Amino acid sequence: MSAAGPAPAPQHATADLTVEISNLRNAKGKVRACLTRADDFLDCSEDPDAFKRSVGASEAKVLRFDGLEPGRYYLLLLHDENANGRLDLFTKIPKEGFGFSNNPKIRMGPPRGRDVAFELPAGESVKQVRMKYIL
């Protein structure tokens, strides 16, 4: 009779997210993405654990985030048309494009967290984000 060795450790389930981007106004500049678990999802720079991507707008049809921990997330996309690293405003109105997970309706001001938050399960997931432009 042979002795059985220790049982293998269970592997931690991870999540992979594909983001499909539509409605880009043009191929200028960069598309910047922030995937965060922080309730203050509008300021990605304040979350050291955020997952960030920056790609040329001409290549920004699909973004991938692999090996994530399943759970609650917020996704924000910015179309930084002049590639200056920030969202340009005109009297507090965005001059460049933006998009959020769940594609919430934009009224006066940014959407609420509950309208942007989504649960990311283990395995493969796809989110579609439609960019919006006000000016």
C-alpha atoms as a PDB file:
ATOM      1  CA  MET A   1       0.000   0.000   0.000  1.00  0.00           C
ATOM      2  CA  SER A   2       1.529   3.314  -1.009  1.00  0.00           C
ATOM      3  CA  ALA A   3       1.340   6.437   1.100  1.00  0.00           C
ATOM      4  CA  ALA A   4      -0.546   9.280  -0.495  1.00  0.00           C
ATOM      5  CA  GLY A   5       1.213  12.620  -0.567  1.00  0.00           C
ATOM      6  CA  PRO A   6      -0.388  15.868   0.498  1.00  0.00           C
ATOM      7  CA  ALA A   7      -3.332  17.047  -1.582  1.00  0.00           C
ATOM      8  CA  PRO A   8      -2.427  19.761  -4.093  1.00  0.00           C
ATOM      9  CA  ALA A   9      -3.287  23.278  -2.980  1.00  0.00           C
ATOM     10  CA  PRO A  10      -6.404  24.622  -4.678  1.00  0.00           C
ATOM     11  CA  GLN A  11      -5.695  27.233  -7.305  1.00  0.00           C
ATOM     12  CA  HIS A  12      -7.103  30.685  -6.683  1.00  0.00           C
ATOM     13  CA  ALA A  13      -9.768  31.507  -9.258  1.00  0.00           C
ATOM     14  CA  THR A  14      -8.966  34.586 -11.319  1.00  0.00           C
ATOM     15  CA  ALA A  15     -10.967  36.768 -13.662  1.00  0.00           C
ATOM     16  CA  ASP A  16     -10.080  38.067 -17.122  1.00  0.00           C
ATOM     17  CA  LEU A  17     -11.875  41.112 -18.496  1.00  0.00           C
ATOM     18  CA  THR A  18     -12.132  42.168 -22.134  1.00  0.00           C
ATOM     19  CA  VAL A  19     -13.328  45.734 -22.688  1.00  0.00           C
ATOM     20  CA  GLU A  20     -14.815  46.470 -26.107  1.00  0.00           C
ATOM     21  CA  ILE A  21     -14.774  50.202 -26.911  1.00  0.00           C
ATOM     22  CA  SER A  22     -17.127  51.857 -29.377  1.00  0.00           C
ATOM     23  CA  ASN A  23     -18.018  55.365 -30.541  1.00  0.00           C
ATOM     24  CA  LEU A  24     -14.530  56.888 -30.492  1.00  0.00           C
ATOM     25  CA  ARG A  25     -14.803  60.276 -32.197  1.00  0.00           C
ATOM     26  CA  ASN A  26     -11.419  60.007 -33.910  1.00  0.00           C
ATOM     27  CA  ALA A  27      -8.062  58.213 -33.790  1.00  0.00           C
ATOM     28  CA  LYS A  28      -6.162  61.135 -32.211  1.00  0.00           C
ATOM     29  CA  GLY A  29      -4.322  60.867 -28.916  1.00  0.00           C
ATOM     30  CA  LYS A  30      -4.723  58.074 -26.391  1.00  0.00           C
ATOM     31  CA  VAL A  31      -7.439  56.131 -24.641  1.00  0.00           C
ATOM     32  CA  ARG A  32      -6.724  55.837 -20.938  1.00  0.00           C
ATOM     33  CA  ALA A  33      -8.457  53.187 -18.836  1.00  0.00           C
ATOM     34  CA  CYS A  34      -8.741  52.818 -15.088  1.00  0.00           C
ATOM     35  CA  LEU A  35     -10.159  49.659 -13.534  1.00  0.00           C
ATOM     36  CA  THR A  36     -10.494  50.150  -9.800  1.00  0.00           C
ATOM     37  CA  ARG A  37     -12.171  48.721  -6.729  1.00  0.00           C
ATOM     38  CA  ALA A  38     -12.144  52.105  -4.963  1.00  0.00           C
ATOM     39  CA  ASP A  39     -15.448  53.894  -4.428  1.00  0.00           C
ATOM     40  CA  ASP A  40     -13.745  57.119  -5.583  1.00  0.00           C
ATOM     41  CA  PHE A  41     -13.523  55.737  -9.128  1.00  0.00           C
ATOM     42  CA  LEU A  42     -13.274  59.178 -10.729  1.00  0.00           C
ATOM     43  CA  ASP A  43      -9.734  59.775  -9.439  1.00  0.00           C
ATOM     44  CA  CYS A  44      -7.632  56.840 -10.528  1.00  0.00           C
ATOM     45  CA  SER A  45      -4.421  58.514  -9.358  1.00  0.00           C
ATOM     46  CA  GLU A  46      -5.594  58.139  -5.760  1.00  0.00           C
ATOM     47  CA  ASP A  47      -5.787  54.331  -5.980  1.00  0.00           C
ATOM     48  CA  PRO A  48      -2.360  52.656  -5.954  1.00  0.00           C
ATOM     49  CA  ASP A  49      -4.055  49.288  -6.617  1.00  0.00           C
ATOM     50  CA  ALA A  50      -5.900  50.421  -9.761  1.00  0.00           C
ATOM     51  CA  PHE A  51      -5.237  48.680 -13.060  1.00  0.00           C
ATOM     52  CA  LYS A  52      -4.372  51.279 -15.689  1.00  0.00           C
ATOM     53  CA  ARG A  53      -3.944  51.049 -19.444  1.00  0.00           C
ATOM     54  CA  SER A  54      -3.041  53.665 -22.021  1.00  0.00           C
ATOM     55  CA  VAL A  55      -3.149  52.892 -25.738  1.00  0.00           C
ATOM     56  CA  GLY A  56      -3.179  54.902 -28.918  1.00  0.00           C
ATOM     57  CA  ALA A  57      -6.742  55.805 -29.873  1.00  0.00           C
ATOM     58  CA  SER A  58      -6.227  54.249 -33.302  1.00  0.00           C
ATOM     59  CA  GLU A  59      -5.638  50.883 -31.544  1.00  0.00           C
ATOM     60  CA  ALA A  60      -8.298  51.207 -28.838  1.00  0.00           C
ATOM     61  CA  LYS A  61     -11.000  48.812 -29.946  1.00  0.00           C
ATOM     62  CA  VAL A  62     -10.310  46.210 -27.246  1.00  0.00           C
ATOM     63  CA  LEU A  63      -8.484  46.337 -23.905  1.00  0.00           C
ATOM     64  CA  ARG A  64      -7.621  43.309 -21.742  1.00  0.00           C
ATOM     65  CA  PHE A  65      -7.191  42.987 -18.006  1.00  0.00           C
ATOM     66  CA  ASP A  66      -6.018  39.494 -17.026  1.00  0.00           C
ATOM     67  CA  GLY A  67      -5.452  37.726 -13.725  1.00  0.00           C
ATOM     68  CA  LEU A  68      -7.824  39.867 -11.666  1.00  0.00           C
ATOM     69  CA  GLU A  69      -9.367  38.949  -8.363  1.00  0.00           C
ATOM     70  CA  PRO A  70     -13.118  38.419  -8.772  1.00  0.00           C
ATOM     71  CA  GLY A  71     -15.271  41.063  -7.085  1.00  0.00           C
ATOM     72  CA  ARG A  72     -16.732  44.542  -7.432  1.00  0.00           C
ATOM     73  CA  TYR A  73     -15.070  46.964  -9.879  1.00  0.00           C
ATOM     74  CA  TYR A  74     -15.549  50.344 -11.553  1.00  0.00           C
ATOM     75  CA  LEU A  75     -14.239  51.104 -15.048  1.00  0.00           C
ATOM     76  CA  LEU A  76     -13.520  54.591 -16.406  1.00  0.00           C
ATOM     77  CA  LEU A  77     -12.230  55.378 -19.909  1.00  0.00           C
ATOM     78  CA  LEU A  78     -10.960  58.736 -21.166  1.00  0.00           C
ATOM     79  CA  HIS A  79     -10.242  59.708 -24.758  1.00  0.00           C
ATOM     80  CA  ASP A  80      -7.278  62.030 -24.228  1.00  0.00           C
ATOM     81  CA  GLU A  81      -7.342  63.467 -27.753  1.00  0.00           C
ATOM     82  CA  ASN A  82      -4.347  65.760 -27.274  1.00  0.00           C
ATOM     83  CA  ALA A  83      -2.398  63.172 -25.201  1.00  0.00           C
ATOM     84  CA  ASN A  84      -1.673  65.614 -22.371  1.00  0.00           C
ATOM     85  CA  GLY A  85      -2.450  63.068 -19.643  1.00  0.00           C
ATOM     86  CA  ARG A  86      -5.648  64.664 -18.334  1.00  0.00           C
ATOM     87  CA  LEU A  87      -9.280  65.306 -19.195  1.00  0.00           C
ATOM     88  CA  ASP A  88      -9.577  68.799 -20.634  1.00  0.00           C
ATOM     89  CA  LEU A  89     -12.548  70.868 -19.484  1.00  0.00           C
ATOM     90  CA  PHE A  90     -14.325  73.987 -20.691  1.00  0.00           C
ATOM     91  CA  THR A  91     -16.190  75.632 -17.789  1.00  0.00           C
ATOM     92  CA  LYS A  92     -16.335  72.251 -15.990  1.00  0.00           C
ATOM     93  CA  ILE A  93     -17.669  70.464 -19.088  1.00  0.00           C
ATOM     94  CA  PRO A  94     -15.464  67.717 -20.591  1.00  0.00           C
ATOM     95  CA  LYS A  95     -14.034  68.650 -23.992  1.00  0.00           C
ATOM     96  CA  GLU A  96     -12.792  65.094 -24.520  1.00  0.00           C
ATOM     97  CA  GLY A  97     -14.555  61.757 -24.525  1.00  0.00           C
ATOM     98  CA  PHE A  98     -15.260  59.492 -21.592  1.00  0.00           C
ATOM     99  CA  GLY A  99     -16.995  56.205 -20.872  1.00  0.00           C
ATOM    100  CA  PHE A 100     -17.929  54.086 -17.884  1.00  0.00           C
ATOM    101  CA  SER A 101     -18.758  50.475 -17.197  1.00  0.00           C
ATOM    102  CA  ASN A 102     -22.499  49.858 -17.574  1.00  0.00           C
ATOM    103  CA  ASN A 103     -22.782  52.896 -19.881  1.00  0.00           C
ATOM    104  CA  PRO A 104     -24.827  54.973 -17.408  1.00  0.00           C
ATOM    105  CA  LYS A 105     -26.874  57.935 -18.588  1.00  0.00           C
ATOM    106  CA  ILE A 106     -24.987  61.174 -18.121  1.00  0.00           C
ATOM    107  CA  ARG A 107     -26.997  64.030 -16.730  1.00  0.00           C
ATOM    108  CA  MET A 108     -25.631  66.939 -14.733  1.00  0.00           C
ATOM    109  CA  GLY A 109     -22.243  65.768 -13.481  1.00  0.00           C
ATOM    110  CA  PRO A 110     -20.597  62.362 -13.341  1.00  0.00           C
ATOM    111  CA  PRO A 111     -22.537  59.136 -12.723  1.00  0.00           C
ATOM    112  CA  ARG A 112     -22.953  57.638  -9.275  1.00  0.00           C
ATOM    113  CA  GLY A 113     -20.846  54.713  -8.204  1.00  0.00           C
ATOM    114  CA  ARG A 114     -23.825  52.377  -8.044  1.00  0.00           C
ATOM    115  CA  ASP A 115     -24.461  53.059 -11.748  1.00  0.00           C
ATOM    116  CA  VAL A 116     -20.874  52.229 -12.722  1.00  0.00           C
ATOM    117  CA  ALA A 117     -20.063  49.333 -10.355  1.00  0.00           C
ATOM    118  CA  PHE A 118     -20.156  45.766 -11.627  1.00  0.00           C
ATOM    119  CA  GLU A 119     -19.380  42.318 -10.257  1.00  0.00           C
ATOM    120  CA  LEU A 120     -16.563  40.541 -12.046  1.00  0.00           C
ATOM    121  CA  PRO A 121     -16.878  36.759 -11.695  1.00  0.00           C
ATOM    122  CA  ALA A 122     -14.052  34.249 -12.054  1.00  0.00           C
ATOM    123  CA  GLY A 123     -13.312  33.297 -15.650  1.00  0.00           C
ATOM    124  CA  GLU A 124     -13.763  35.335 -18.826  1.00  0.00           C
ATOM    125  CA  SER A 125     -16.000  38.438 -18.952  1.00  0.00           C
ATOM    126  CA  VAL A 126     -16.693  41.099 -21.562  1.00  0.00           C
ATOM    127  CA  LYS A 127     -17.780  44.700 -20.950  1.00  0.00           C
ATOM    128  CA  GLN A 128     -18.821  47.030 -23.743  1.00  0.00           C
ATOM    129  CA  VAL A 129     -18.180  50.739 -23.213  1.00  0.00           C
ATOM    130  CA  ARG A 130     -19.627  53.387 -25.508  1.00  0.00           C
ATOM    131  CA  MET A 131     -17.627  56.606 -25.445  1.00  0.00           C
ATOM    132  CA  LYS A 132     -19.540  59.849 -24.926  1.00  0.00           C
ATOM    133  CA  TYR A 133     -18.691  63.389 -26.014  1.00  0.00           C
ATOM    134  CA  ILE A 134     -20.420  66.524 -24.760  1.00  0.00           C
ATOM    135  CA  LEU A 135     -18.498  69.230 -26.651  1.00  0.00           C
END
